Amino acid sequence: MGDGIVMPRPADGVRIAALGSDRTHWWALRAAAVPVLACLLTLGTLLAWTAAGGAGAPAALSVRDGRVFVPTNPEATAAFFTIVNRGDSDDQLTGVTAPGGQRAMLSRSVPTGKGARHMKMISAVTVPAGGTLRMTADAVDVMLRPPPRIAPGDRLTLVLHFRDSPSITTRALAVRPGR
């Protein structure tokens, strides 16, 4: 019938296009076109969504207001920072490196009842997307053991490490507790 090579009629009378005929190529292309078009449509939609800012931006961290308490006991002292995240993704403060022989640990103040509190070591603290982490003596801080030899007005350099963002080197001003 002009559609290409046709195999002889089988006993049931159904005509089957032979391999290599124009009709076979058309059906193979048509069968492959549906998944290919679906993938292209999905990829195009994801690219447009990302270009429009829908995928968000990574965390954009900055550190300010660093303070470290002048030690009042020979065992430990605490440092505090304000960490601002202008990005669209959360990040986590995972550790702090202190100078010299000081060991720096993240800790959280936990109520124990009757107005008392104790310090609990933690492995990380979240810096929320578009938000601020304010470290305080009543919440999260950096415990330094043994305490550095500092006087009011001195500055202590510390390195803050994050899960996804680069480390930030910052300085904390030595202040008397309560300030």
Protein backbone atom coordinates (compact mmCIF):
# COMPACT_ATOMS: atom_id res chain seq x y z
CA MET A 1 0.00 0.00 0.00
CA GLY A 2 2.98 2.28 -0.26
CA ASP A 3 3.69 2.35 3.50
CA GLY A 4 6.88 0.41 3.13
CA ILE A 5 7.61 -3.27 3.16
CA VAL A 6 4.71 -5.40 4.31
CA MET A 7 5.04 -8.95 5.45
CA PRO A 8 2.68 -11.53 4.04
CA ARG A 9 -0.67 -11.82 5.75
CA PRO A 10 -0.77 -14.27 8.59
CA ALA A 11 -3.64 -16.64 8.94
CA ASP A 12 -5.67 -14.22 11.10
CA GLY A 13 -5.51 -11.52 8.40
CA VAL A 14 -3.66 -8.88 10.41
CA ARG A 15 -0.95 -7.02 8.55
CA ILE A 16 2.27 -6.41 10.46
CA ALA A 17 4.85 -3.86 9.37
CA ALA A 18 8.24 -5.42 8.78
CA LEU A 19 11.29 -4.28 10.70
CA GLY A 20 13.03 -1.50 8.86
CA SER A 21 9.82 -0.09 7.43
CA ASP A 22 8.97 3.61 7.68
CA ARG A 23 6.05 2.79 9.96
CA THR A 24 8.28 0.98 12.50
CA HIS A 25 10.63 3.98 12.75
CA TRP A 26 7.70 6.35 13.28
CA TRP A 27 6.29 4.32 16.17
CA ALA A 28 9.70 3.96 17.81
CA LEU A 29 10.28 7.71 17.61
CA ARG A 30 6.79 8.42 18.90
CA ALA A 31 7.28 6.08 21.87
CA ALA A 32 10.58 7.76 22.80
CA ALA A 33 9.22 11.29 22.33
CA VAL A 34 6.88 11.19 25.34
CA PRO A 35 9.53 10.58 28.05
CA VAL A 36 12.02 12.90 26.32
CA LEU A 37 9.47 15.73 26.20
CA ALA A 38 8.48 15.11 29.83
CA CYS A 39 12.15 15.35 30.90
CA LEU A 40 12.69 18.52 28.89
CA LEU A 41 9.56 20.12 30.35
CA THR A 42 10.63 19.21 33.90
CA LEU A 43 14.17 20.47 33.34
CA GLY A 44 12.89 23.73 31.84
CA THR A 45 10.54 24.28 34.77
CA LEU A 46 13.32 23.64 37.32
CA LEU A 47 15.67 26.01 35.50
CA ALA A 48 13.02 28.76 35.45
CA TRP A 49 12.24 28.21 39.15
CA THR A 50 15.93 28.41 40.07
CA ALA A 51 16.55 31.49 37.90
CA ALA A 52 13.59 33.22 39.58
CA GLY A 53 15.19 32.61 43.01
CA GLY A 54 12.83 29.81 44.06
CA ALA A 55 15.70 27.49 44.97
CA GLY A 56 16.85 29.92 47.64
CA ALA A 57 20.28 31.14 48.50
CA PRO A 58 22.85 29.56 50.78
CA ALA A 59 23.44 30.86 54.27
CA ALA A 60 25.22 34.23 54.35
CA LEU A 61 26.72 34.58 57.82
CA SER A 62 28.32 37.46 59.68
CA VAL A 63 29.48 37.67 63.30
CA ARG A 64 29.32 40.71 65.57
CA ASP A 65 29.22 41.72 69.25
CA GLY A 66 31.83 39.20 70.41
CA ARG A 67 32.36 39.24 74.17
CA VAL A 68 34.31 37.03 76.52
CA PHE A 69 33.97 37.16 80.28
CA VAL A 70 37.09 38.03 82.25
CA PRO A 71 37.56 34.81 84.24
CA THR A 72 36.25 34.78 87.80
CA ASN A 73 37.33 31.20 88.49
CA PRO A 74 40.34 29.13 87.39
CA GLU A 75 38.30 26.47 85.60
CA ALA A 76 36.36 28.13 82.78
CA THR A 77 34.89 31.25 81.25
CA ALA A 78 32.40 31.92 78.46
CA ALA A 79 32.34 33.78 75.14
CA PHE A 80 29.26 35.07 73.31
CA PHE A 81 28.53 36.24 69.78
CA THR A 82 25.69 37.45 67.63
CA ILE A 83 25.58 35.52 64.35
CA VAL A 84 23.38 36.95 61.57
CA ASN A 85 22.24 34.81 58.62
CA ARG A 86 21.04 36.88 55.64
CA GLY A 87 20.71 33.78 53.46
CA ASP A 88 17.69 31.62 52.66
CA SER A 89 19.11 28.44 54.25
CA ASP A 90 19.73 27.46 57.86
CA ASP A 91 23.29 26.69 58.89
CA GLN A 92 24.78 25.32 62.09
CA LEU A 93 27.58 26.52 64.31
CA THR A 94 29.44 23.24 64.88
CA GLY A 95 32.49 24.31 66.83
CA VAL A 96 34.94 26.99 67.87
CA THR A 97 38.73 27.02 67.83
CA ALA A 98 40.42 28.96 70.64
CA PRO A 99 44.01 30.18 70.75
CA GLY A 100 46.75 28.50 72.73
CA GLY A 101 45.81 25.70 75.08
CA GLN A 102 42.17 26.66 75.60
CA ARG A 103 39.53 24.11 74.74
CA ALA A 104 36.37 25.69 73.26
CA MET A 105 33.04 23.89 73.59
CA LEU A 106 29.49 24.87 72.68
CA SER A 107 27.21 24.75 75.70
CA ARG A 108 23.61 25.44 76.58
CA SER A 109 22.24 26.63 79.89
CA VAL A 110 19.59 24.17 81.10
CA PRO A 111 17.22 24.84 84.04
CA THR A 112 17.43 22.22 86.80
CA GLY A 113 14.62 23.55 89.03
CA LYS A 114 14.31 26.04 91.90
CA GLY A 115 16.02 28.72 89.81
CA ALA A 116 19.20 26.71 89.34
CA ARG A 117 20.81 26.00 85.97
CA HIS A 118 23.61 23.81 84.69
CA MET A 119 25.64 23.75 81.50
CA LYS A 120 25.11 21.01 78.95
CA MET A 121 27.63 20.52 76.14
CA ILE A 122 26.06 20.50 72.66
CA SER A 123 27.48 19.50 69.28
CA ALA A 124 25.85 22.26 67.22
CA VAL A 125 23.38 25.13 67.28
CA THR A 126 21.24 26.33 64.36
CA VAL A 127 21.63 29.77 62.82
CA PRO A 128 18.18 30.23 61.23
CA ALA A 129 17.71 31.39 57.64
CA GLY A 130 17.03 35.12 57.57
CA GLY A 131 17.52 35.23 61.33
CA THR A 132 19.92 35.82 64.17
CA LEU A 133 21.53 33.61 66.82
CA ARG A 134 22.21 35.69 69.95
CA MET A 135 24.43 33.86 72.38
CA THR A 136 23.90 34.73 76.06
CA ALA A 137 24.79 33.35 79.47
CA ASP A 138 21.19 32.11 79.81
CA ALA A 139 21.07 30.33 76.44
CA VAL A 140 23.98 29.21 74.25
CA ASP A 141 27.63 30.18 74.72
CA VAL A 142 31.18 29.04 74.06
CA MET A 143 32.85 27.60 77.16
CA LEU A 144 36.62 28.11 77.32
CA ARG A 145 38.68 25.75 79.50
CA PRO A 146 41.08 26.70 80.99
CA PRO A 147 40.21 30.38 80.80
CA PRO A 148 42.62 32.66 78.94
CA ARG A 149 44.60 35.27 80.85
CA ILE A 150 42.72 38.41 79.84
CA ALA A 151 41.80 41.74 81.40
CA PRO A 152 38.85 44.03 80.61
CA GLY A 153 39.36 45.63 77.19
CA ASP A 154 41.59 42.83 75.82
CA ARG A 155 40.54 41.06 72.65
CA LEU A 156 40.54 37.30 72.15
CA THR A 157 40.61 35.84 68.61
CA LEU A 158 38.39 32.80 68.02
CA VAL A 159 37.46 30.86 64.87
CA LEU A 160 33.80 29.83 64.46
CA HIS A 161 33.16 26.72 62.35
CA PHE A 162 29.90 26.05 60.49
CA ARG A 163 28.34 23.01 58.84
CA ASP A 164 27.92 24.56 55.36
CA SER A 165 29.57 27.99 55.45
CA PRO A 166 33.26 28.82 55.63
CA SER A 167 34.81 29.36 59.05
CA ILE A 168 34.80 32.92 60.39
CA THR A 169 37.67 34.37 62.42
CA THR A 170 36.40 36.96 64.89
CA ARG A 171 37.49 38.81 68.01
CA ALA A 172 35.72 38.93 71.37
CA LEU A 173 36.10 41.89 73.73
CA ALA A 174 36.96 40.92 77.32
CA VAL A 175 34.29 42.24 79.71
CA ARG A 176 33.42 41.63 83.35
CA PRO A 177 30.55 39.16 83.85
CA GLY A 178 27.16 40.83 83.77
CA ARG A 179 28.08 43.27 80.98
